[in-house]
C-alpha cells in the first residue's frame, strides 16, 4: 500500500485543481495529515499550490499559473457553466448568460469580473459588451480534465440561492 504522501501526490495529479478539503475527504485522511504532506510536497516542488477565490487548490507543477487558475474555476459550477456557454456559443452578452444559466445578473457580473481579472475571459470594447474566452483552445483542453465536486456544486448552489433572495 502506498504511503500517505505518495497517495496524496497521485490523487492531486489525477484530479488537477483539487481543493484542500477535498483531498482529505477523497482519501479519508485527517486534515492535519493532509496539511502536513501537502506542505512537504509543495516545498519539495512535487506539487504546485494556487489560492483562487479564497480556496487553496493543488496541481501537478507542469501546469502554469494561468492554467491553474482556469482549472480552479472549472471546479466551480457557476464559473464552469459560464465558460462552457461561451465556448459552445461563441462570444456572449452577460444578459444572455444570466438567462441561459437562470442566474441573477449580479451573480453573472461577479463571476465574469473574477474570470476577467484572472485573464480567462475577455470583455469586448464595443457596445453591447460581449464576453469571449481569452485562450479558447487551451480552456477546452482543461475543461475536459475536471468537473466540480459535489461539495463545490453545493456551495455554488447555496450562494446562488442567497443571491436570488437578496435580489
Protein backbone atom coordinates (compact mmCIF):
# COMPACT_ATOMS: atom_id res chain seq x y z
CA UNK A 1 0.00 0.00 0.00
CA UNK A 2 1.44 3.38 -0.95
CA UNK A 3 2.47 5.74 1.79
CA UNK A 4 0.30 8.75 2.53
CA UNK A 5 2.45 11.26 0.67
CA UNK A 6 2.55 9.12 -2.47
CA UNK A 7 -1.21 8.63 -2.25
CA UNK A 8 -1.79 12.40 -1.97
CA UNK A 9 0.62 13.22 -4.81
CA UNK A 10 -1.09 10.69 -7.08
CA UNK A 11 -4.55 11.98 -6.18
CA UNK A 12 -3.62 15.61 -6.91
CA UNK A 13 -2.08 14.66 -10.24
CA UNK A 14 -5.20 12.66 -11.15
CA UNK A 15 -7.57 15.47 -10.08
CA UNK A 16 -5.85 18.74 -11.02
CA UNK A 17 -7.09 21.73 -9.06
CA UNK A 18 -8.48 19.63 -6.24
CA UNK A 19 -9.37 21.72 -3.22
CA UNK A 20 -7.51 21.15 0.06
CA UNK A 21 -10.56 19.80 1.93
CA UNK A 22 -11.48 17.52 -0.95
CA UNK A 23 -8.12 15.75 -0.73
CA UNK A 24 -8.86 14.70 2.85
CA UNK A 25 -12.43 13.65 2.02
CA UNK A 26 -11.48 11.70 -1.09
CA UNK A 27 -8.63 9.83 0.59
CA UNK A 28 -10.17 9.60 4.07
CA UNK A 29 -7.12 11.21 5.67
CA UNK A 30 -7.18 13.50 8.70
CA UNK A 31 -6.93 17.23 7.96
CA UNK A 32 -3.66 17.62 9.86
CA UNK A 33 -2.05 14.81 7.91
CA UNK A 34 -3.24 16.22 4.60
CA UNK A 35 -1.91 19.66 5.54
CA UNK A 36 1.47 18.28 6.62
CA UNK A 37 2.01 16.18 3.50
CA UNK A 38 0.75 18.84 1.07
CA UNK A 39 3.13 21.38 2.62
CA UNK A 40 6.05 19.00 2.17
CA UNK A 41 5.06 18.15 -1.41
CA UNK A 42 4.79 21.85 -2.32
CA UNK A 43 8.08 22.68 -0.54
CA UNK A 44 9.83 19.90 -2.49
CA UNK A 45 8.31 21.20 -5.78
CA UNK A 46 6.42 17.94 -6.30
CA UNK A 47 3.11 19.83 -6.33
CA UNK A 48 2.06 23.42 -7.00
CA UNK A 49 -0.44 25.41 -4.97
CA UNK A 50 -2.73 28.24 -6.05
CA UNK A 51 -5.15 30.28 -3.94
CA UNK A 52 -8.16 31.20 -6.03
CA UNK A 53 -11.25 32.89 -4.65
CA UNK A 54 -10.42 32.08 -1.04
CA UNK A 55 -9.75 28.40 -1.66
CA UNK A 56 -6.47 26.55 -1.87
CA UNK A 57 -6.08 24.26 -4.87
CA UNK A 58 -3.29 21.80 -5.67
CA UNK A 59 -1.77 20.85 -9.02
CA UNK A 60 0.95 18.98 -10.78
CA UNK A 61 3.77 21.54 -11.28
CA UNK A 62 3.54 21.10 -15.07
CA UNK A 63 0.54 23.48 -15.13
CA UNK A 64 1.43 27.16 -15.48
CA UNK A 65 -0.26 29.79 -13.24
CA UNK A 66 -2.92 30.67 -15.83
CA UNK A 67 -3.82 27.01 -16.32
CA UNK A 68 -4.01 26.52 -12.55
CA UNK A 69 -6.48 29.40 -12.22
CA UNK A 70 -8.61 28.02 -15.07
CA UNK A 71 -8.68 24.57 -13.50
CA UNK A 72 -9.65 26.02 -10.12
CA UNK A 73 -12.55 27.94 -11.70
CA UNK A 74 -13.65 24.90 -13.69
CA UNK A 75 -14.18 23.10 -10.39
CA UNK A 76 -16.89 25.64 -9.55
CA UNK A 77 -20.27 25.00 -11.08
CA UNK A 78 -21.23 28.60 -11.93
CA UNK A 79 -17.86 29.60 -13.40
CA UNK A 80 -17.76 26.34 -15.34
CA UNK A 81 -21.26 26.99 -16.69
CA UNK A 82 -20.21 30.44 -17.90
CA UNK A 83 -17.09 29.11 -19.61
CA UNK A 84 -18.97 26.22 -21.23
CA UNK A 85 -21.69 28.57 -22.57
CA UNK A 86 -19.13 30.97 -24.01
CA UNK A 87 -17.23 28.10 -25.60
CA UNK A 88 -20.33 26.44 -27.03
CA UNK A 89 -21.97 29.55 -28.44
CA UNK A 90 -19.10 31.94 -29.03
CA UNK A 91 -18.98 35.43 -27.52
CA UNK A 92 -21.95 36.11 -25.25
CA UNK A 93 -23.50 39.11 -23.59
CA UNK A 94 -23.73 38.94 -19.78
CA UNK A 95 -27.52 39.34 -20.03
CA UNK A 96 -27.69 36.28 -22.30
CA UNK A 97 -25.55 34.25 -19.90
CA UNK A 98 -27.83 35.18 -16.99
CA UNK A 99 -30.84 33.93 -18.98
CA UNK A 100 -29.11 30.79 -20.26
CA UNK A 101 -27.93 29.80 -16.79
CA UNK A 102 -31.05 31.05 -14.98
CA UNK A 103 -28.93 33.19 -12.66
CA UNK A 104 -29.23 36.71 -11.32
CA UNK A 105 -27.32 39.31 -13.32
CA UNK A 106 -25.38 40.23 -10.17
CA UNK A 107 -24.17 36.63 -9.87
CA UNK A 108 -23.06 36.60 -13.51
CA UNK A 109 -21.43 40.01 -13.07
CA UNK A 110 -19.40 38.87 -10.06
CA UNK A 111 -18.22 35.66 -11.75
CA UNK A 112 -17.43 37.41 -15.02
CA UNK A 113 -15.42 40.10 -13.21
CA UNK A 114 -13.41 37.41 -11.45
CA UNK A 115 -12.84 35.50 -14.69
CA UNK A 116 -11.74 38.70 -16.46
CA UNK A 117 -9.39 39.66 -13.59
CA UNK A 118 -7.74 36.26 -13.91
CA UNK A 119 -7.30 36.54 -17.69
CA UNK A 120 -9.65 33.67 -18.51
CA UNK A 121 -12.40 35.72 -20.16
CA UNK A 122 -12.05 38.92 -22.19
CA UNK A 123 -14.60 41.74 -22.48
CA UNK A 124 -15.16 43.40 -25.83
CA UNK A 125 -14.68 47.14 -26.15
CA UNK A 126 -17.80 47.60 -28.26
CA UNK A 127 -21.35 48.03 -27.00
CA UNK A 128 -23.21 45.95 -26.19
CA UNK A 129 -20.31 44.26 -24.46
CA UNK A 130 -19.66 40.60 -25.22
CA UNK A 131 -17.51 38.06 -23.43
CA UNK A 132 -15.10 35.61 -25.05
CA UNK A 133 -12.56 33.06 -23.83
CA UNK A 134 -9.06 34.53 -23.81
CA UNK A 135 -7.42 31.21 -24.75
CA UNK A 136 -10.29 29.09 -26.13
CA UNK A 137 -8.31 26.05 -27.31
CA UNK A 138 -6.43 25.59 -24.05
CA UNK A 139 -9.55 26.29 -21.98
CA UNK A 140 -11.39 23.48 -23.78
CA UNK A 141 -8.48 21.09 -23.17
CA UNK A 142 -8.55 21.95 -19.46
CA UNK A 143 -12.35 21.68 -19.36
CA UNK A 144 -12.02 18.02 -20.24
CA UNK A 145 -9.74 17.40 -17.24
CA UNK A 146 -12.10 18.44 -14.44
CA UNK A 147 -15.63 18.55 -13.20
CA UNK A 148 -16.83 20.21 -10.00
CA UNK A 149 -17.07 18.02 -6.92
CA UNK A 150 -20.37 17.59 -5.11
CA UNK A 151 -19.33 19.90 -2.21
CA UNK A 152 -18.24 22.58 -4.71
CA UNK A 153 -21.58 22.33 -6.51
CA UNK A 154 -23.50 22.56 -3.24
CA UNK A 155 -21.59 25.67 -2.16
CA UNK A 156 -22.26 27.29 -5.55
CA UNK A 157 -25.96 26.49 -5.32
CA UNK A 158 -26.18 27.88 -1.80
CA UNK A 159 -24.52 31.14 -2.90
CA UNK A 160 -26.90 31.39 -5.86
CA UNK A 161 -29.91 30.83 -3.61
CA UNK A 162 -28.79 33.55 -1.20
CA UNK A 163 -28.09 35.88 -4.13
CA UNK A 164 -31.59 35.31 -5.53
CA UNK A 165 -33.13 36.05 -2.13
CA UNK A 166 -31.23 39.36 -1.98
CA UNK A 167 -32.33 40.47 -5.46
